[in-house]
PDB file of N, CA and C in Angstrom:
ATOM      1  N   MET A   1      15.099 -62.277  30.073  1.00  0.00           N
ATOM      2  CA  MET A   1      13.922 -62.077  29.268  1.00  0.00           C
ATOM      3  C   MET A   1      13.669 -63.316  28.413  1.00  0.00           C
ATOM      4  N   ASP A   2      12.418 -63.663  28.314  1.00  0.00           N
ATOM      5  CA  ASP A   2      12.107 -64.810  27.456  1.00  0.00           C
ATOM      6  C   ASP A   2      11.987 -64.352  25.998  1.00  0.00           C
ATOM      7  N   GLU A   3      11.952 -65.316  25.093  1.00  0.00           N
ATOM      8  CA  GLU A   3      11.952 -65.018  23.663  1.00  0.00           C
ATOM      9  C   GLU A   3      10.728 -64.223  23.233  1.00  0.00           C
ATOM     10  N   LYS A   4       9.581 -64.520  23.826  1.00  0.00           N
ATOM     11  CA  LYS A   4       8.347 -63.818  23.463  1.00  0.00           C
ATOM     12  C   LYS A   4       8.449 -62.330  23.805  1.00  0.00           C
ATOM     13  N   THR A   5       9.017 -62.020  24.961  1.00  0.00           N
ATOM     14  CA  THR A   5       9.184 -60.630  25.385  1.00  0.00           C
ATOM     15  C   THR A   5      10.140 -59.892  24.455  1.00  0.00           C
ATOM     16  N   VAL A   6      11.219 -60.551  24.091  1.00  0.00           N
ATOM     17  CA  VAL A   6      12.198 -59.949  23.188  1.00  0.00           C
ATOM     18  C   VAL A   6      11.558 -59.651  21.828  1.00  0.00           C
ATOM     19  N   LEU A   7      10.805 -60.605  21.293  1.00  0.00           N
ATOM     20  CA  LEU A   7      10.140 -60.399  20.004  1.00  0.00           C
ATOM     21  C   LEU A   7       9.130 -59.259  20.072  1.00  0.00           C
ATOM     22  N   THR A   8       8.422 -59.148  21.180  1.00  0.00           N
ATOM     23  CA  THR A   8       7.467 -58.063  21.370  1.00  0.00           C
ATOM     24  C   THR A   8       8.181 -56.716  21.395  1.00  0.00           C
ATOM     25  N   LEU A   9       9.305 -56.645  22.103  1.00  0.00           N
ATOM     26  CA  LEU A   9      10.079 -55.407  22.168  1.00  0.00           C
ATOM     27  C   LEU A   9      10.644 -55.022  20.799  1.00  0.00           C
ATOM     28  N   VAL A  10      11.130 -56.000  20.070  1.00  0.00           N
ATOM     29  CA  VAL A  10      11.665 -55.738  18.736  1.00  0.00           C
ATOM     30  C   VAL A  10      10.566 -55.199  17.818  1.00  0.00           C
ATOM     31  N   ALA A  11       9.391 -55.781  17.887  1.00  0.00           N
ATOM     32  CA  ALA A  11       8.276 -55.317  17.062  1.00  0.00           C
ATOM     33  C   ALA A  11       7.902 -53.878  17.422  1.00  0.00           C
ATOM     34  N   LYS A  12       7.901 -53.551  18.705  1.00  0.00           N
ATOM     35  CA  LYS A  12       7.572 -52.188  19.122  1.00  0.00           C
ATOM     36  C   LYS A  12       8.653 -51.205  18.680  1.00  0.00           C
ATOM     37  N   LEU A  13       9.911 -51.601  18.778  1.00  0.00           N
ATOM     38  CA  LEU A  13      10.997 -50.736  18.326  1.00  0.00           C
ATOM     39  C   LEU A  13      10.916 -50.502  16.819  1.00  0.00           C
ATOM     40  N   ASP A  14      10.593 -51.535  16.065  1.00  0.00           N
ATOM     41  CA  ASP A  14      10.417 -51.387  14.623  1.00  0.00           C
ATOM     42  C   ASP A  14       9.321 -50.373  14.311  1.00  0.00           C
ATOM     43  N   ALA A  15       8.225 -50.447  15.032  1.00  0.00           N
ATOM     44  CA  ALA A  15       7.120 -49.515  14.820  1.00  0.00           C
ATOM     45  C   ALA A  15       7.550 -48.081  15.138  1.00  0.00           C
ATOM     46  N   ILE A  16       8.292 -47.903  16.203  1.00  0.00           N
ATOM     47  CA  ILE A  16       8.772 -46.570  16.587  1.00  0.00           C
ATOM     48  C   ILE A  16       9.710 -46.017  15.521  1.00  0.00           C
ATOM     49  N   ILE A  17      10.614 -46.853  15.033  1.00  0.00           N
ATOM     50  CA  ILE A  17      11.557 -46.423  14.001  1.00  0.00           C
ATOM     51  C   ILE A  17      10.807 -46.011  12.740  1.00  0.00           C
ATOM     52  N   LYS A  18       9.821 -46.797  12.339  1.00  0.00           N
ATOM     53  CA  LYS A  18       9.039 -46.459  11.141  1.00  0.00           C
ATOM     54  C   LYS A  18       8.330 -45.121  11.303  1.00  0.00           C
ATOM     55  N   LEU A  19       7.761 -44.887  12.477  1.00  0.00           N
ATOM     56  CA  LEU A  19       7.080 -43.615  12.719  1.00  0.00           C
ATOM     57  C   LEU A  19       8.053 -42.438  12.664  1.00  0.00           C
ATOM     58  N   MET A  20       9.241 -42.616  13.238  1.00  0.00           N
ATOM     59  CA  MET A  20      10.246 -41.558  13.208  1.00  0.00           C
ATOM     60  C   MET A  20      10.684 -41.264  11.778  1.00  0.00           C
ATOM     61  N   VAL A  21      10.904 -42.317  11.015  1.00  0.00           N
ATOM     62  CA  VAL A  21      11.340 -42.163   9.629  1.00  0.00           C
ATOM     63  C   VAL A  21      10.265 -41.464   8.814  1.00  0.00           C
ATOM     64  N   LEU A  22       9.025 -41.863   8.978  1.00  0.00           N
ATOM     65  CA  LEU A  22       7.934 -41.218   8.249  1.00  0.00           C
ATOM     66  C   LEU A  22       7.842 -39.740   8.608  1.00  0.00           C
ATOM     67  N   GLY A  23       8.091 -39.406   9.859  1.00  0.00           N
ATOM     68  CA  GLY A  23       8.085 -38.003  10.276  1.00  0.00           C
ATOM     69  C   GLY A  23       9.200 -37.211   9.622  1.00  0.00           C
ATOM     70  N   MET A  24      10.384 -37.835   9.491  1.00  0.00           N
ATOM     71  CA  MET A  24      11.536 -37.171   8.873  1.00  0.00           C
ATOM     72  C   MET A  24      11.319 -36.915   7.388  1.00  0.00           C
ATOM     73  N   THR A  25      10.563 -37.777   6.744  1.00  0.00           N
ATOM     74  CA  THR A  25      10.432 -37.694   5.293  1.00  0.00           C
ATOM     75  C   THR A  25       9.087 -37.138   4.834  1.00  0.00           C
ATOM     76  N   GLU A  26       8.277 -36.719   5.762  1.00  0.00           N
ATOM     77  CA  GLU A  26       6.932 -36.244   5.428  1.00  0.00           C
ATOM     78  C   GLU A  26       6.980 -35.091   4.441  1.00  0.00           C
ATOM     79  N   GLY A  27       6.159 -35.174   3.409  1.00  0.00           N
ATOM     80  CA  GLY A  27       6.056 -34.106   2.427  1.00  0.00           C
ATOM     81  C   GLY A  27       7.105 -34.138   1.331  1.00  0.00           C
ATOM     82  N   LYS A  28       8.036 -35.073   1.406  1.00  0.00           N
ATOM     83  CA  LYS A  28       9.077 -35.170   0.385  1.00  0.00           C
ATOM     84  C   LYS A  28       8.666 -36.174  -0.687  1.00  0.00           C
ATOM     85  N   PRO A  29       9.147 -35.993  -1.905  1.00  0.00           N
ATOM     86  CA  PRO A  29       8.860 -36.985  -2.955  1.00  0.00           C
ATOM     87  C   PRO A  29       9.473 -38.338  -2.599  1.00  0.00           C
ATOM     88  N   GLN A  30       8.917 -39.398  -3.147  1.00  0.00           N
ATOM     89  CA  GLN A  30       9.375 -40.750  -2.812  1.00  0.00           C
ATOM     90  C   GLN A  30      10.861 -40.941  -3.109  1.00  0.00           C
ATOM     91  N   VAL A  31      11.342 -40.365  -4.183  1.00  0.00           N
ATOM     92  CA  VAL A  31      12.760 -40.512  -4.533  1.00  0.00           C
ATOM     93  C   VAL A  31      13.646 -39.932  -3.433  1.00  0.00           C
ATOM     94  N   GLU A  32      13.270 -38.772  -2.919  1.00  0.00           N
ATOM     95  CA  GLU A  32      14.032 -38.154  -1.823  1.00  0.00           C
ATOM     96  C   GLU A  32      13.962 -38.994  -0.561  1.00  0.00           C
ATOM     97  N   LYS A  33      12.795 -39.557  -0.288  1.00  0.00           N
ATOM     98  CA  LYS A  33      12.644 -40.415   0.882  1.00  0.00           C
ATOM     99  C   LYS A  33      13.580 -41.609   0.786  1.00  0.00           C
ATOM    100  N   ILE A  34      13.599 -42.237  -0.385  1.00  0.00           N
ATOM    101  CA  ILE A  34      14.453 -43.413  -0.588  1.00  0.00           C
ATOM    102  C   ILE A  34      15.914 -43.028  -0.437  1.00  0.00           C
ATOM    103  N   ALA A  35      16.321 -41.916  -1.023  1.00  0.00           N
ATOM    104  CA  ALA A  35      17.716 -41.470  -0.929  1.00  0.00           C
ATOM    105  C   ALA A  35      18.101 -41.195   0.519  1.00  0.00           C
ATOM    106  N   LEU A  36      17.228 -40.526   1.252  1.00  0.00           N
ATOM    107  CA  LEU A  36      17.504 -40.205   2.654  1.00  0.00           C
ATOM    108  C   LEU A  36      17.623 -41.471   3.495  1.00  0.00           C
ATOM    109  N   LEU A  37      16.673 -42.364   3.353  1.00  0.00           N
ATOM    110  CA  LEU A  37      16.686 -43.587   4.152  1.00  0.00           C
ATOM    111  C   LEU A  37      17.899 -44.456   3.819  1.00  0.00           C
ATOM    112  N   SER A  38      18.255 -44.502   2.560  1.00  0.00           N
ATOM    113  CA  SER A  38      19.433 -45.267   2.160  1.00  0.00           C
ATOM    114  C   SER A  38      20.704 -44.648   2.731  1.00  0.00           C
ATOM    115  N   SER A  39      20.764 -43.320   2.725  1.00  0.00           N
ATOM    116  CA  SER A  39      21.971 -42.636   3.208  1.00  0.00           C
ATOM    117  C   SER A  39      22.203 -42.827   4.705  1.00  0.00           C
ATOM    118  N   VAL A  40      21.150 -43.143   5.443  1.00  0.00           N
ATOM    119  CA  VAL A  40      21.327 -43.392   6.883  1.00  0.00           C
ATOM    120  C   VAL A  40      21.412 -44.876   7.204  1.00  0.00           C
ATOM    121  N   GLY A  41      21.500 -45.709   6.155  1.00  0.00           N
ATOM    122  CA  GLY A  41      21.786 -47.117   6.380  1.00  0.00           C
ATOM    123  C   GLY A  41      20.648 -48.108   6.256  1.00  0.00           C
ATOM    124  N   PHE A  42      19.471 -47.647   5.880  1.00  0.00           N
ATOM    125  CA  PHE A  42      18.364 -48.591   5.712  1.00  0.00           C
ATOM    126  C   PHE A  42      18.573 -49.404   4.441  1.00  0.00           C
ATOM    127  N   PRO A  43      18.434 -50.727   4.504  1.00  0.00           N
ATOM    128  CA  PRO A  43      18.523 -51.539   3.286  1.00  0.00           C
ATOM    129  C   PRO A  43      17.223 -51.423   2.486  1.00  0.00           C
ATOM    130  N   PRO A  44      17.260 -51.763   1.188  1.00  0.00           N
ATOM    131  CA  PRO A  44      16.066 -51.627   0.341  1.00  0.00           C
ATOM    132  C   PRO A  44      14.807 -52.306   0.897  1.00  0.00           C
ATOM    133  N   LYS A  45      14.972 -53.467   1.500  1.00  0.00           N
ATOM    134  CA  LYS A  45      13.804 -54.179   2.026  1.00  0.00           C
ATOM    135  C   LYS A  45      13.111 -53.368   3.121  1.00  0.00           C
ATOM    136  N   GLN A  46      13.887 -52.786   4.029  1.00  0.00           N
ATOM    137  CA  GLN A  46      13.292 -51.987   5.099  1.00  0.00           C
ATOM    138  C   GLN A  46      12.703 -50.683   4.567  1.00  0.00           C
ATOM    139  N   ILE A  47      13.380 -50.074   3.614  1.00  0.00           N
ATOM    140  CA  ILE A  47      12.855 -48.845   3.013  1.00  0.00           C
ATOM    141  C   ILE A  47      11.497 -49.135   2.385  1.00  0.00           C
ATOM    142  N   ALA A  48      11.411 -50.248   1.671  1.00  0.00           N
ATOM    143  CA  ALA A  48      10.152 -50.625   1.032  1.00  0.00           C
ATOM    144  C   ALA A  48       9.048 -50.824   2.061  1.00  0.00           C
ATOM    145  N   GLN A  49       9.364 -51.459   3.173  1.00  0.00           N
ATOM    146  CA  GLN A  49       8.364 -51.692   4.215  1.00  0.00           C
ATOM    147  C   GLN A  49       7.871 -50.371   4.793  1.00  0.00           C
ATOM    148  N   VAL A  50       8.788 -49.468   5.051  1.00  0.00           N
ATOM    149  CA  VAL A  50       8.422 -48.177   5.643  1.00  0.00           C
ATOM    150  C   VAL A  50       7.566 -47.354   4.688  1.00  0.00           C
ATOM    151  N   LEU A  51       7.937 -47.368   3.403  1.00  0.00           N
ATOM    152  CA  LEU A  51       7.246 -46.521   2.431  1.00  0.00           C
ATOM    153  C   LEU A  51       6.057 -47.196   1.757  1.00  0.00           C
ATOM    154  N   GLY A  52       5.863 -48.476   2.024  1.00  0.00           N
ATOM    155  CA  GLY A  52       4.730 -49.182   1.434  1.00  0.00           C
ATOM    156  C   GLY A  52       4.904 -49.452  -0.048  1.00  0.00           C
ATOM    157  N   THR A  53       6.116 -49.801  -0.445  1.00  0.00           N
ATOM    158  CA  THR A  53       6.396 -50.120  -1.837  1.00  0.00           C
ATOM    159  C   THR A  53       7.164 -51.434  -1.872  1.00  0.00           C
ATOM    160  N   THR A  54       7.715 -51.784  -3.020  1.00  0.00           N
ATOM    161  CA  THR A  54       8.439 -53.047  -3.121  1.00  0.00           C
ATOM    162  C   THR A  54       9.943 -52.808  -3.045  1.00  0.00           C
ATOM    163  N   PRO A  55      10.688 -53.807  -2.570  1.00  0.00           N
ATOM    164  CA  PRO A  55      12.152 -53.679  -2.540  1.00  0.00           C
ATOM    165  C   PRO A  55      12.729 -53.438  -3.937  1.00  0.00           C
ATOM    166  N   ASN A  56      12.108 -54.026  -4.962  1.00  0.00           N
ATOM    167  CA  ASN A  56      12.597 -53.826  -6.323  1.00  0.00           C
ATOM    168  C   ASN A  56      12.455 -52.367  -6.750  1.00  0.00           C
ATOM    169  N   THR A  57      11.360 -51.738  -6.395  1.00  0.00           N
ATOM    170  CA  THR A  57      11.174 -50.315  -6.710  1.00  0.00           C
ATOM    171  C   THR A  57      12.276 -49.490  -6.065  1.00  0.00           C
ATOM    172  N   VAL A  58      12.573 -49.811  -4.812  1.00  0.00           N
ATOM    173  CA  VAL A  58      13.622 -49.084  -4.089  1.00  0.00           C
ATOM    174  C   VAL A  58      14.969 -49.283  -4.781  1.00  0.00           C
ATOM    175  N   ARG A  59      15.278 -50.514  -5.167  1.00  0.00           N
ATOM    176  CA  ARG A  59      16.548 -50.792  -5.841  1.00  0.00           C
ATOM    177  C   ARG A  59      16.661 -50.031  -7.166  1.00  0.00           C
ATOM    178  N   VAL A  60      15.563 -49.983  -7.909  1.00  0.00           N
ATOM    179  CA  VAL A  60      15.565 -49.269  -9.196  1.00  0.00           C
ATOM    180  C   VAL A  60      15.826 -47.775  -8.973  1.00  0.00           C
ATOM    181  N   VAL A  61      15.173 -47.199  -7.987  1.00  0.00           N
ATOM    182  CA  VAL A  61      15.369 -45.777  -7.684  1.00  0.00           C
ATOM    183  C   VAL A  61      16.811 -45.523  -7.256  1.00  0.00           C
ATOM    184  N   LEU A  62      17.348 -46.376  -6.381  1.00  0.00           N
ATOM    185  CA  LEU A  62      18.730 -46.198  -5.924  1.00  0.00           C
ATOM    186  C   LEU A  62      19.715 -46.330  -7.086  1.00  0.00           C
ATOM    187  N   SER A  63      19.452 -47.262  -7.978  1.00  0.00           N
ATOM    188  CA  SER A  63      20.315 -47.438  -9.150  1.00  0.00           C
ATOM    189  C   SER A  63      20.286 -46.186 -10.026  1.00  0.00           C
ATOM    190  N   ALA A  64      19.103 -45.639 -10.244  1.00  0.00           N
ATOM    191  CA  ALA A  64      18.972 -44.424 -11.055  1.00  0.00           C
ATOM    192  C   ALA A  64      19.687 -43.248 -10.389  1.00  0.00           C
ATOM    193  N   LEU A  65      19.585 -43.156  -9.071  1.00  0.00           N
ATOM    194  CA  LEU A  65      20.267 -42.076  -8.354  1.00  0.00           C
ATOM    195  C   LEU A  65      21.787 -42.206  -8.469  1.00  0.00           C
ATOM    196  N   ARG A  66      22.287 -43.446  -8.358  1.00  0.00           N
ATOM    197  CA  ARG A  66      23.730 -43.669  -8.501  1.00  0.00           C
ATOM    198  C   ARG A  66      24.196 -43.312  -9.915  1.00  0.00           C
ATOM    199  N   LYS A  67      23.415 -43.698 -10.910  1.00  0.00           N
ATOM    200  CA  LYS A  67      23.761 -43.404 -12.303  1.00  0.00           C
ATOM    201  C   LYS A  67      23.779 -41.893 -12.534  1.00  0.00           C
ATOM    202  N   LYS A  68      22.786 -41.208 -12.011  1.00  0.00           N
ATOM    203  CA  LYS A  68      22.696 -39.761 -12.162  1.00  0.00           C
ATOM    204  C   LYS A  68      23.899 -39.074 -11.503  1.00  0.00           C
ATOM    205  N   ALA A  69      24.264 -39.537 -10.307  1.00  0.00           N
ATOM    206  CA  ALA A  69      25.417 -38.970  -9.603  1.00  0.00           C
ATOM    207  C   ALA A  69      26.702 -39.229 -10.378  1.00  0.00           C
ATOM    208  N   SER A  70      26.814 -40.401 -10.960  1.00  0.00           N
ATOM    209  CA  SER A  70      27.991 -40.765 -11.744  1.00  0.00           C
ATOM    210  C   SER A  70      28.114 -39.872 -12.972  1.00  0.00           C
ATOM    211  N   LEU A  71      26.995 -39.612 -13.634  1.00  0.00           N
ATOM    212  CA  LEU A  71      27.007 -38.755 -14.812  1.00  0.00           C
ATOM    213  C   LEU A  71      27.395 -37.322 -14.455  1.00  0.00           C
ATOM    214  N   ARG A  72      26.931 -36.861 -13.303  1.00  0.00           N
ATOM    215  CA  ARG A  72      27.282 -35.503 -12.860  1.00  0.00           C
ATOM    216  C   ARG A  72      28.776 -35.383 -12.612  1.00  0.00           C
ATOM    217  N   ARG A  73      29.381 -36.429 -12.033  1.00  0.00           N
ATOM    218  CA  ARG A  73      30.820 -36.389 -11.753  1.00  0.00           C
ATOM    219  C   ARG A  73      31.627 -36.405 -13.047  1.00  0.00           C
ATOM    220  N   LYS A  74      31.107 -37.062 -14.079  1.00  0.00           N
ATOM    221  CA  LYS A  74      31.835 -37.175 -15.340  1.00  0.00           C
ATOM    222  C   LYS A  74      31.616 -35.994 -16.272  1.00  0.00           C
ATOM    223  N   ALA A  75      30.625 -35.176 -16.012  1.00  0.00           N
ATOM    224  CA  ALA A  75      30.321 -34.044 -16.892  1.00  0.00           C
ATOM    225  C   ALA A  75      31.471 -33.049 -16.863  1.00  0.00           C
ATOM    226  N   PRO A  76      31.883 -32.548 -18.016  1.00  0.00           N
ATOM    227  CA  PRO A  76      32.987 -31.588 -18.056  1.00  0.00           C
ATOM    228  C   PRO A  76      32.584 -30.255 -17.453  1.00  0.00           C
ATOM    229  N   THR A  77      33.516 -29.626 -16.819  1.00  0.00           N
ATOM    230  CA  THR A  77      33.249 -28.297 -16.259  1.00  0.00           C
ATOM    231  C   THR A  77      33.398 -27.280 -17.363  1.00  0.00           C
ATOM    232  N   GLU A  78      33.042 -26.031 -17.112  1.00  0.00           N
ATOM    233  CA  GLU A  78      33.132 -24.974 -18.119  1.00  0.00           C
ATOM    234  C   GLU A  78      34.573 -24.772 -18.577  1.00  0.00           C
ATOM    235  N   ARG A  79      35.522 -24.936 -17.669  1.00  0.00           N
ATOM    236  CA  ARG A  79      36.937 -24.725 -18.021  1.00  0.00           C
ATOM    237  C   ARG A  79      37.425 -25.815 -18.982  1.00  0.00           C
ATOM    238  N   GLU A  80      36.878 -27.028 -18.845  1.00  0.00           N
ATOM    239  CA  GLU A  80      37.328 -28.139 -19.661  1.00  0.00           C
ATOM    240  C   GLU A  80      36.775 -28.073 -21.072  1.00  0.00           C
ATOM    241  N   VAL A  81      35.687 -27.323 -21.276  1.00  0.00           N
ATOM    242  CA  VAL A  81      35.037 -27.282 -22.584  1.00  0.00           C
ATOM    243  C   VAL A  81      35.722 -26.344 -23.519  1.00  0.00           C
TER     244      VAL A  81
END
């Protein structure tokens, strides 16, 4: 295969992946979409491209989610109080 054919195939595969991801996350809030896409291995840049936002927005949301999860793990249980 020549380079042009490979690039064309990669572009088509990217489009298919984006459509599949949008179908999986349809109707969910953006925060849930970002969490889901991140959990399956999408980096912030790709998540931003799929959702039509900026990579920085994605990073901020992921940071907030990590902080929230960390706080939940540190919260005392009823027995500890």
